[in-house]
Amino acid sequence: LKPEDTAVYYCNARDGATSWGQGTQVTVS
């Protein structure tokens, strides 16, 4: 992991409709 990977990471599902999770924070420091 690199500092530039720091972000909120979201899961996504596509089956016709698109769904998103609430996100999880990843901090590289």
Full PDB file with SEQRES, HELIX, SHEET, SSBOND, CRYST1, ORIGX, SCALE, CONECT and MASTER records, all heavy atoms in Angstrom:
SEQRES   1 A   29  LEU LYS PRO GLU ASP THR ALA VAL TYR TYR CYS ASN ALA          
SEQRES   2 A   29  ARG ASP GLY ALA THR SER TRP GLY GLN GLY THR GLN VAL          
SEQRES   3 A   29  THR VAL SER                                                  
HELIX    1 AA1 PRO A    3  ASP A    5  5                                   3    
SHEET    1 AA1 2 ALA A   7  TYR A   9  0                                        
SHEET    2 AA1 2 THR A  24  VAL A  26 -1                                        
SHEET    1 AA2 2 ASN A  12  ARG A  14  0                                        
SHEET    2 AA2 2 THR A  18  TRP A  20 -1                                        
CRYST1    1.000    1.000    1.000  90.00  90.00  90.00 P 1           1          
ORIGX1      1.000000  0.000000  0.000000        0.00000                         
ORIGX2      0.000000  1.000000  0.000000        0.00000                         
ORIGX3      0.000000  0.000000  1.000000        0.00000                         
SCALE1      1.000000  0.000000  0.000000        0.00000                         
SCALE2      0.000000  1.000000  0.000000        0.00000                         
SCALE3      0.000000  0.000000  1.000000        0.00000                         
ATOM      1  N   LEU A   1       0.821  -1.207   0.000  1.00  0.00           N  
ATOM      2  CA  LEU A   1       0.000   0.000   0.000  1.00  0.00           C  
ATOM      3  C   LEU A   1       0.858   1.261   0.000  1.00  0.00           C  
ATOM      4  O   LEU A   1       1.946   1.308   0.594  1.00  0.00           O  
ATOM      5  CB  LEU A   1      -0.940  -0.007   1.200  1.00  0.00           C  
ATOM      6  CG  LEU A   1      -2.159  -0.925   1.028  1.00  0.00           C  
ATOM      7  CD1 LEU A   1      -2.783  -1.273   2.368  1.00  0.00           C  
ATOM      8  CD2 LEU A   1      -3.182  -0.260   0.112  1.00  0.00           C  
ATOM      9  N   LYS A   2       0.331   2.279  -0.684  1.00  0.00           N  
ATOM     10  CA  LYS A   2       1.010   3.558  -0.821  1.00  0.00           C  
ATOM     11  C   LYS A   2       0.127   4.665  -0.244  1.00  0.00           C  
ATOM     12  O   LYS A   2      -1.096   4.516  -0.182  1.00  0.00           O  
ATOM     13  CB  LYS A   2       1.252   3.853  -2.303  1.00  0.00           C  
ATOM     14  CG  LYS A   2       2.020   2.781  -3.047  1.00  0.00           C  
ATOM     15  CD  LYS A   2       2.109   3.108  -4.525  1.00  0.00           C  
ATOM     16  CE  LYS A   2       2.861   2.036  -5.295  1.00  0.00           C  
ATOM     17  NZ  LYS A   2       2.948   2.354  -6.753  1.00  0.00           N  
ATOM     18  N   PRO A   3       0.715   5.778   0.144  1.00  0.00           N  
ATOM     19  CA  PRO A   3      -0.111   6.880   0.653  1.00  0.00           C  
ATOM     20  C   PRO A   3      -1.206   7.305  -0.325  1.00  0.00           C  
ATOM     21  O   PRO A   3      -2.308   7.681   0.102  1.00  0.00           O  
ATOM     22  CB  PRO A   3       0.906   7.997   0.866  1.00  0.00           C  
ATOM     23  CG  PRO A   3       2.177   7.283   1.177  1.00  0.00           C  
ATOM     24  CD  PRO A   3       2.152   6.052   0.301  1.00  0.00           C  
ATOM     25  N   GLU A   4      -0.936   7.205  -1.612  1.00  0.00           N  
ATOM     26  CA  GLU A   4      -1.937   7.595  -2.595  1.00  0.00           C  
ATOM     27  C   GLU A   4      -3.102   6.618  -2.699  1.00  0.00           C  
ATOM     28  O   GLU A   4      -4.074   6.881  -3.417  1.00  0.00           O  
ATOM     29  CB  GLU A   4      -1.305   7.790  -3.983  1.00  0.00           C  
ATOM     30  CG  GLU A   4      -0.455   6.644  -4.460  1.00  0.00           C  
ATOM     31  CD  GLU A   4       1.031   6.866  -4.187  1.00  0.00           C  
ATOM     32  OE1 GLU A   4       1.374   7.322  -3.062  1.00  0.00           O  
ATOM     33  OE2 GLU A   4       1.842   6.561  -5.083  1.00  0.00           O  
ATOM     34  N   ASP A   5      -3.024   5.501  -1.999  1.00  0.00           N  
ATOM     35  CA  ASP A   5      -4.171   4.579  -1.926  1.00  0.00           C  
ATOM     36  C   ASP A   5      -5.180   5.019  -0.874  1.00  0.00           C  
ATOM     37  O   ASP A   5      -6.249   4.423  -0.745  1.00  0.00           O  
ATOM     38  CB  ASP A   5      -3.697   3.159  -1.605  1.00  0.00           C  
ATOM     39  CG  ASP A   5      -2.847   2.559  -2.702  1.00  0.00           C  
ATOM     40  OD1 ASP A   5      -3.205   2.720  -3.885  1.00  0.00           O  
ATOM     41  OD2 ASP A   5      -1.828   1.908  -2.367  1.00  0.00           O  
ATOM     42  N   THR A   6      -4.843   6.031  -0.104  1.00  0.00           N  
ATOM     43  CA  THR A   6      -5.747   6.536   0.926  1.00  0.00           C  
ATOM     44  C   THR A   6      -7.039   7.031   0.295  1.00  0.00           C  
ATOM     45  O   THR A   6      -7.021   7.864  -0.614  1.00  0.00           O  
ATOM     46  CB  THR A   6      -5.083   7.675   1.714  1.00  0.00           C  
ATOM     47  OG1 THR A   6      -3.957   7.153   2.418  1.00  0.00           O  
ATOM     48  CG2 THR A   6      -6.059   8.309   2.689  1.00  0.00           C  
ATOM     49  N   ALA A   7      -8.164   6.496   0.767  1.00  0.00           N  
ATOM     50  CA  ALA A   7      -9.475   6.837   0.201  1.00  0.00           C  
ATOM     51  C   ALA A   7     -10.554   6.102   0.976  1.00  0.00           C  
ATOM     52  O   ALA A   7     -10.255   5.215   1.788  1.00  0.00           O  
ATOM     53  CB  ALA A   7      -9.544   6.447  -1.270  1.00  0.00           C  
ATOM     54  N   VAL A   8     -11.786   6.471   0.700  1.00  0.00           N  
ATOM     55  CA  VAL A   8     -12.915   5.648   1.121  1.00  0.00           C  
ATOM     56  C   VAL A   8     -13.172   4.641   0.005  1.00  0.00           C  
ATOM     57  O   VAL A   8     -13.298   5.022  -1.166  1.00  0.00           O  
ATOM     58  CB  VAL A   8     -14.173   6.489   1.381  1.00  0.00           C  
ATOM     59  CG1 VAL A   8     -15.345   5.594   1.765  1.00  0.00           C  
ATOM     60  CG2 VAL A   8     -13.910   7.521   2.467  1.00  0.00           C  
ATOM     61  N   TYR A   9     -13.217   3.370   0.379  1.00  0.00           N  
ATOM     62  CA  TYR A   9     -13.404   2.294  -0.585  1.00  0.00           C  
ATOM     63  C   TYR A   9     -14.854   1.822  -0.530  1.00  0.00           C  
ATOM     64  O   TYR A   9     -15.379   1.527   0.552  1.00  0.00           O  
ATOM     65  CB  TYR A   9     -12.450   1.149  -0.290  1.00  0.00           C  
ATOM     66  CG  TYR A   9     -11.038   1.444  -0.739  1.00  0.00           C  
ATOM     67  CD1 TYR A   9     -10.264   2.398  -0.092  1.00  0.00           C  
ATOM     68  CD2 TYR A   9     -10.480   0.791  -1.842  1.00  0.00           C  
ATOM     69  CE1 TYR A   9      -8.976   2.699  -0.515  1.00  0.00           C  
ATOM     70  CE2 TYR A   9      -9.191   1.078  -2.273  1.00  0.00           C  
ATOM     71  CZ  TYR A   9      -8.451   2.039  -1.604  1.00  0.00           C  
ATOM     72  OH  TYR A   9      -7.173   2.323  -2.036  1.00  0.00           O  
ATOM     73  N   TYR A  10     -15.457   1.730  -1.712  1.00  0.00           N  
ATOM     74  CA  TYR A  10     -16.861   1.359  -1.831  1.00  0.00           C  
ATOM     75  C   TYR A  10     -17.006   0.067  -2.611  1.00  0.00           C  
ATOM     76  O   TYR A  10     -16.352  -0.128  -3.647  1.00  0.00           O  
ATOM     77  CB  TYR A  10     -17.646   2.444  -2.558  1.00  0.00           C  
ATOM     78  CG  TYR A  10     -17.708   3.767  -1.856  1.00  0.00           C  
ATOM     79  CD1 TYR A  10     -16.756   4.744  -2.094  1.00  0.00           C  
ATOM     80  CD2 TYR A  10     -18.727   4.041  -0.944  1.00  0.00           C  
ATOM     81  CE1 TYR A  10     -16.810   5.968  -1.444  1.00  0.00           C  
ATOM     82  CE2 TYR A  10     -18.793   5.269  -0.298  1.00  0.00           C  
ATOM     83  CZ  TYR A  10     -17.825   6.225  -0.550  1.00  0.00           C  
ATOM     84  OH  TYR A  10     -17.895   7.439   0.090  1.00  0.00           O  
ATOM     85  N   CYS A  11     -17.892  -0.766  -2.142  1.00  0.00           N  
ATOM     86  CA  CYS A  11     -18.273  -1.985  -2.841  1.00  0.00           C  
ATOM     87  C   CYS A  11     -19.437  -1.669  -3.769  1.00  0.00           C  
ATOM     88  O   CYS A  11     -20.314  -0.858  -3.448  1.00  0.00           O  
ATOM     89  CB  CYS A  11     -18.679  -3.028  -1.804  1.00  0.00           C  
ATOM     90  SG  CYS A  11     -19.148  -4.624  -2.469  1.00  0.00           S  
ATOM     91  N   ASN A  12     -19.467  -2.339  -4.908  1.00  0.00           N  
ATOM     92  CA  ASN A  12     -20.475  -2.080  -5.935  1.00  0.00           C  
ATOM     93  C   ASN A  12     -20.960  -3.405  -6.507  1.00  0.00           C  
ATOM     94  O   ASN A  12     -20.162  -4.330  -6.712  1.00  0.00           O  
ATOM     95  CB  ASN A  12     -19.844  -1.219  -7.031  1.00  0.00           C  
ATOM     96  CG  ASN A  12     -20.693  -1.088  -8.269  1.00  0.00           C  
ATOM     97  OD1 ASN A  12     -20.637  -1.946  -9.155  1.00  0.00           O  
ATOM     98  ND2 ASN A  12     -21.468  -0.035  -8.345  1.00  0.00           N  
ATOM     99  N   ALA A  13     -22.266  -3.488  -6.734  1.00  0.00           N  
ATOM    100  CA  ALA A  13     -22.849  -4.673  -7.368  1.00  0.00           C  
ATOM    101  C   ALA A  13     -23.707  -4.243  -8.549  1.00  0.00           C  
ATOM    102  O   ALA A  13     -24.470  -3.279  -8.444  1.00  0.00           O  
ATOM    103  CB  ALA A  13     -23.710  -5.447  -6.369  1.00  0.00           C  
ATOM    104  N   ARG A  14     -23.562  -4.947  -9.664  1.00  0.00           N  
ATOM    105  CA  ARG A  14     -24.347  -4.630 -10.855  1.00  0.00           C  
ATOM    106  C   ARG A  14     -25.051  -5.879 -11.358  1.00  0.00           C  
ATOM    107  O   ARG A  14     -24.410  -6.884 -11.688  1.00  0.00           O  
ATOM    108  CB  ARG A  14     -23.460  -4.054 -11.953  1.00  0.00           C  
ATOM    109  CG  ARG A  14     -23.023  -2.630 -11.718  1.00  0.00           C  
ATOM    110  CD  ARG A  14     -22.259  -2.098 -12.915  1.00  0.00           C  
ATOM    111  NE  ARG A  14     -20.918  -2.650 -12.980  1.00  0.00           N  
ATOM    112  CZ  ARG A  14     -20.321  -3.039 -14.101  1.00  0.00           C  
ATOM    113  NH1 ARG A  14     -20.947  -2.961 -15.261  1.00  0.00           N  
ATOM    114  NH2 ARG A  14     -19.095  -3.508 -14.081  1.00  0.00           N  
ATOM    115  N   ASP A  15     -26.397  -5.824 -11.378  1.00  0.00           N  
ATOM    116  CA  ASP A  15     -27.214  -6.898 -11.944  1.00  0.00           C  
ATOM    117  C   ASP A  15     -28.459  -6.227 -12.495  1.00  0.00           C  
ATOM    118  O   ASP A  15     -29.537  -6.320 -11.944  1.00  0.00           O  
ATOM    119  CB  ASP A  15     -27.574  -7.917 -10.862  1.00  0.00           C  
ATOM    120  CG  ASP A  15     -28.505  -8.981 -11.396  1.00  0.00           C  
ATOM    121  OD1 ASP A  15     -28.248  -9.484 -12.499  1.00  0.00           O  
ATOM    122  OD2 ASP A  15     -29.503  -9.287 -10.719  1.00  0.00           O  
ATOM    123  N   GLY A  16     -28.288  -5.496 -13.568  1.00  0.00           N  
ATOM    124  CA  GLY A  16     -29.370  -4.627 -14.025  1.00  0.00           C  
ATOM    125  C   GLY A  16     -29.299  -3.342 -13.216  1.00  0.00           C  
ATOM    126  O   GLY A  16     -28.796  -2.332 -13.661  1.00  0.00           O  
ATOM    127  N   ALA A  17     -29.768  -3.400 -11.993  1.00  0.00           N  
ATOM    128  CA  ALA A  17     -29.629  -2.265 -11.074  1.00  0.00           C  
ATOM    129  C   ALA A  17     -28.213  -2.216 -10.507  1.00  0.00           C  
ATOM    130  O   ALA A  17     -27.480  -3.209 -10.551  1.00  0.00           O  
ATOM    131  CB  ALA A  17     -30.642  -2.395  -9.938  1.00  0.00           C  
ATOM    132  N   THR A  18     -27.841  -1.050  -9.987  1.00  0.00           N  
ATOM    133  CA  THR A  18     -26.530  -0.855  -9.362  1.00  0.00           C  
ATOM    134  C   THR A  18     -26.718  -0.551  -7.889  1.00  0.00           C  
ATOM    135  O   THR A  18     -27.555   0.280  -7.526  1.00  0.00           O  
ATOM    136  CB  THR A  18     -25.785   0.298 -10.030  1.00  0.00           C  
ATOM    137  OG1 THR A  18     -25.558  -0.037 -11.404  1.00  0.00           O  
ATOM    138  CG2 THR A  18     -24.444   0.529  -9.357  1.00  0.00           C  
ATOM    139  N   SER A  19     -25.955  -1.222  -7.048  1.00  0.00           N  
ATOM    140  CA  SER A  19     -26.016  -1.013  -5.610  1.00  0.00           C  
ATOM    141  C   SER A  19     -24.641  -0.622  -5.086  1.00  0.00           C  
ATOM    142  O   SER A  19     -23.622  -1.089  -5.606  1.00  0.00           O  
ATOM    143  CB  SER A  19     -26.484  -2.287  -4.901  1.00  0.00           C  
ATOM    144  OG  SER A  19     -27.749  -2.706  -5.375  1.00  0.00           O  
ATOM    145  N   TRP A  20     -24.633   0.207  -4.030  1.00  0.00           N  
ATOM    146  CA  TRP A  20     -23.390   0.652  -3.397  1.00  0.00           C  
ATOM    147  C   TRP A  20     -23.442   0.386  -1.910  1.00  0.00           C  
ATOM    148  O   TRP A  20     -24.498   0.473  -1.279  1.00  0.00           O  
ATOM    149  CB  TRP A  20     -23.192   2.152  -3.605  1.00  0.00           C  
ATOM    150  CG  TRP A  20     -22.936   2.563  -5.009  1.00  0.00           C  
ATOM    151  CD1 TRP A  20     -23.862   2.970  -5.934  1.00  0.00           C  
ATOM    152  CD2 TRP A  20     -21.663   2.606  -5.668  1.00  0.00           C  
ATOM    153  NE1 TRP A  20     -23.236   3.263  -7.123  1.00  0.00           N  
ATOM    154  CE2 TRP A  20     -21.883   3.051  -6.984  1.00  0.00           C  
ATOM    155  CE3 TRP A  20     -20.349   2.317  -5.274  1.00  0.00           C  
ATOM    156  CZ2 TRP A  20     -20.845   3.204  -7.909  1.00  0.00           C  
ATOM    157  CZ3 TRP A  20     -19.325   2.468  -6.192  1.00  0.00           C  
ATOM    158  CH2 TRP A  20     -19.568   2.911  -7.491  1.00  0.00           C  
ATOM    159  N   GLY A  21     -22.272   0.077  -1.337  1.00  0.00           N  
ATOM    160  CA  GLY A  21     -22.147   0.018   0.097  1.00  0.00           C  
ATOM    161  C   GLY A  21     -21.918   1.406   0.665  1.00  0.00           C  
ATOM    162  O   GLY A  21     -21.849   2.403  -0.060  1.00  0.00           O  
ATOM    163  N   GLN A  22     -21.743   1.448   2.011  1.00  0.00           N  
ATOM    164  CA  GLN A  22     -21.595   2.744   2.680  1.00  0.00           C  
ATOM    165  C   GLN A  22     -20.147   3.226   2.668  1.00  0.00           C  
ATOM    166  O   GLN A  22     -19.875   4.380   2.982  1.00  0.00           O  
ATOM    167  CB  GLN A  22     -22.110   2.642   4.125  1.00  0.00           C  
ATOM    168  CG  GLN A  22     -21.120   2.054   5.124  1.00  0.00           C  
ATOM    169  CD  GLN A  22     -20.907   0.564   4.965  1.00  0.00           C  
ATOM    170  OE1 GLN A  22     -21.614  -0.117   4.227  1.00  0.00           O  
ATOM    171  NE2 GLN A  22     -19.900   0.034   5.666  1.00  0.00           N  
ATOM    172  N   GLY A  23     -19.221   2.347   2.337  1.00  0.00           N  
ATOM    173  CA  GLY A  23     -17.814   2.710   2.259  1.00  0.00           C  
ATOM    174  C   GLY A  23     -17.044   2.383   3.522  1.00  0.00           C  
ATOM    175  O   GLY A  23     -17.605   2.329   4.620  1.00  0.00           O  
ATOM    176  N   THR A  24     -15.751   2.157   3.346  1.00  0.00           N  
ATOM    177  CA  THR A  24     -14.850   1.925   4.472  1.00  0.00           C  
ATOM    178  C   THR A  24     -13.567   2.705   4.216  1.00  0.00           C  
ATOM    179  O   THR A  24     -13.035   2.714   3.109  1.00  0.00           O  
ATOM    180  CB  THR A  24     -14.567   0.417   4.664  1.00  0.00           C  
ATOM    181  OG1 THR A  24     -13.794   0.221   5.848  1.00  0.00           O  
ATOM    182  CG2 THR A  24     -13.850  -0.203   3.479  1.00  0.00           C  
ATOM    183  N   GLN A  25     -13.083   3.374   5.263  1.00  0.00           N  
ATOM    184  CA  GLN A  25     -11.921   4.256   5.118  1.00  0.00           C  
ATOM    185  C   GLN A  25     -10.632   3.445   5.154  1.00  0.00           C  
ATOM    186  O   GLN A  25     -10.432   2.613   6.050  1.00  0.00           O  
ATOM    187  CB  GLN A  25     -11.900   5.290   6.247  1.00  0.00           C  
ATOM    188  CG  GLN A  25     -10.687   6.204   6.244  1.00  0.00           C  
ATOM    189  CD  GLN A  25     -10.690   7.186   5.093  1.00  0.00           C  
ATOM    190  OE1 GLN A  25     -11.702   7.832   4.815  1.00  0.00           O  
ATOM    191  NE2 GLN A  25      -9.550   7.325   4.417  1.00  0.00           N  
ATOM    192  N   VAL A  26      -9.766   3.719   4.203  1.00  0.00           N  
ATOM    193  CA  VAL A  26      -8.407   3.172   4.195  1.00  0.00           C  
ATOM    194  C   VAL A  26      -7.437   4.345   4.225  1.00  0.00           C  
ATOM    195  O   VAL A  26      -7.501   5.233   3.369  1.00  0.00           O  
ATOM    196  CB  VAL A  26      -8.158   2.304   2.944  1.00  0.00           C  
ATOM    197  CG1 VAL A  26      -6.684   1.920   2.842  1.00  0.00           C  
ATOM    198  CG2 VAL A  26      -9.046   1.064   2.971  1.00  0.00           C  
ATOM    199  N   THR A  27      -6.571   4.347   5.234  1.00  0.00           N  
ATOM    200  CA  THR A  27      -5.582   5.405   5.364  1.00  0.00           C  
ATOM    201  C   THR A  27      -4.193   4.779   5.392  1.00  0.00           C  
ATOM    202  O   THR A  27      -3.922   3.905   6.229  1.00  0.00           O  
ATOM    203  CB  THR A  27      -5.805   6.224   6.631  1.00  0.00           C  
ATOM    204  OG1 THR A  27      -7.126   6.785   6.617  1.00  0.00           O  
ATOM    205  CG2 THR A  27      -4.788   7.352   6.743  1.00  0.00           C  
ATOM    206  N   VAL A  28      -3.346   5.215   4.468  1.00  0.00           N  
ATOM    207  CA  VAL A  28      -1.982   4.714   4.390  1.00  0.00           C  
ATOM    208  C   VAL A  28      -1.051   5.854   4.782  1.00  0.00           C  
ATOM    209  O   VAL A  28      -0.907   6.840   4.056  1.00  0.00           O  
ATOM    210  CB  VAL A  28      -1.645   4.197   2.986  1.00  0.00           C  
ATOM    211  CG1 VAL A  28      -0.241   3.578   2.979  1.00  0.00           C  
ATOM    212  CG2 VAL A  28      -2.687   3.198   2.523  1.00  0.00           C  
ATOM    213  N   SER A  29      -0.444   5.718   5.939  1.00  0.00           N  
ATOM    214  CA  SER A  29       0.371   6.809   6.466  1.00  0.00           C  
ATOM    215  C   SER A  29       1.345   6.264   7.492  1.00  0.00           C  
ATOM    216  O   SER A  29       1.049   5.303   8.210  1.00  0.00           O  
ATOM    217  CB  SER A  29      -0.525   7.863   7.114  1.00  0.00           C  
ATOM    218  OG  SER A  29       0.252   8.876   7.742  1.00  0.00           O  
TER     219      SER A  29                                                      
MASTER        0    0    0    1    4    0    0    6  218    1    0    3          
END                                                                             
